[in-house]
Amino acid sequence: KQHIFCAFALPTITELGAMGVSSSSQGEDSCIARVKAKTVVVQAGSQAGSEVEQLKKRIAELEAGTKKNPNEFDPYLQNRVNAQTMTQYIIESSKGDKQLAMLMNSIQHACKVVSNSIEKAGPAGLYGLAGSANSTGDDVKKLDIIADDIWIECLSRSGVCGLLVSEEQEKAIVIEDAAKRGPFCVAFDPLDGSSNIDCNVSVGSIFSVYRRKSPDDKPCTEADILRPGTDIIVAGYCIYGAATELIITFGNGVQRFACDPALGEFLFVSDMKMDPEGGKKIYSCNEGNSLQWDAPILKSVENFKDTGYAARYVGSMVSDVHRTLLYGGIFIYPADKKNTKGKLRVLYEGFPMAMITEQAGGVATTGMFLGKIGRIQDVVPEHIHDRCPIIMGGERDVKALLELYEKQSKA
């Protein structure tokens, strides 16, 4: 009978033991390498074939033993390592526009600094009123001023902004220096819902970004930002709660990022898309104002109650809209007899939240406003702190409310 010879003799099971091959984890890799280094001599006969099979089986067992067993921490570690960062997303979404990438990185930096300031507010003695009122007559908290300073500094130093509009500033901030200004106009509420800050309820920042239309060789004017929401190129909000999350849209869906405090980086969580069926049955509004509402709003809220809807109202627009986007339902802050144009500001509350809601598959409308029912995005602000009614959420609930307005107009 013929034999086939190779460079090395086939080790027997006994020889493997002498080589130190065992089931223990220590030295497994070297054992596998030594076993594989032996070139097999195949000898005719059943005994040799059986020995080869035993060797193959033993090699497979050793190789399997070197693999890491899965555990409950793997998803956590994998997400931190593999998740897309906000910085990566900005670079991809800005499509080579370095100035837009610089702007968005300045915005995410402002959000991180504000979040850190809120976390330290109690020990630093930053709760309470600052003793002044803002441009719209609201009492100003200490953290309002701090957040405003952070946003203004981050944006003005980015070198790509030409005009800034803040809820806390009566007038628009125009960047006069040609070397420090750029093509973007940004409207922002640096700390939305700050009336809740002293009781540790979630608050947030909201922003919208326009690209200027006036010539680049001159400073921007308010006309560059007093435009419909349909001209906005980027909108978003940051919510400061149990976690700090940044939600953003470039007009191509809505993306959700959460800040990992250990890394100091926003990591991608998911795309945000409202349930096309309407989601949970939740209505969100300040019923303390109900005596001032018009008939369709009153009737719609009564209908929601009668059909098993739950009431949820935080009092921070960021928190209420965030929940609505994730869970479903409707958020209502309408015009009333006392505030005929509503109370929420168009440029840095209504527009960005409407854009995000629509991009997430929802509906954002003013209800009956200035004699007609229309989209929030189509409103043309008359001044930088102009207001408009806000009704936004899933199509199921917003459509039911608008039908009452339509019936009233036909009556």
Foldseek 3Di string as FASTA:
>chain_A
DDKDDDDAEQDFPVVLVVVVDDLDLPPLVVSLVVNVVGDYIQDDDDVSVVRVVVSVVSSVSSVVSNDDDDDPCVVVVCQVVPFDFPLNVLVVVVPPPVLSSLQVVLVLVLLLVLLVCLVCCVVVVQFDFPPDAALQGHTHGSSQVVLVVSSVVSNQQSLAAQWEAERRHNDIDGDFDLRRYHFKYKYKHSWFPSVCSVVQAKIKMWMWIAGADDDSVGGDDQVRQLFFLVRTQKIWMWIRHPWIKIWIDRLQFIWIWTADVVVRTTGTDGTFAADLVFFALEEEDDCVCVVFADDLVNVLVVVSVVVDHYYDYDSGLVVVLVCQRRGGHKYWQAAGNVRNFTDQFLRGRQSRSQSNQVSNPKAKWQQQHPNDTDHSRRDRDPGRRDGHTIMMHHCVSVVVSNVSSVVVVVD
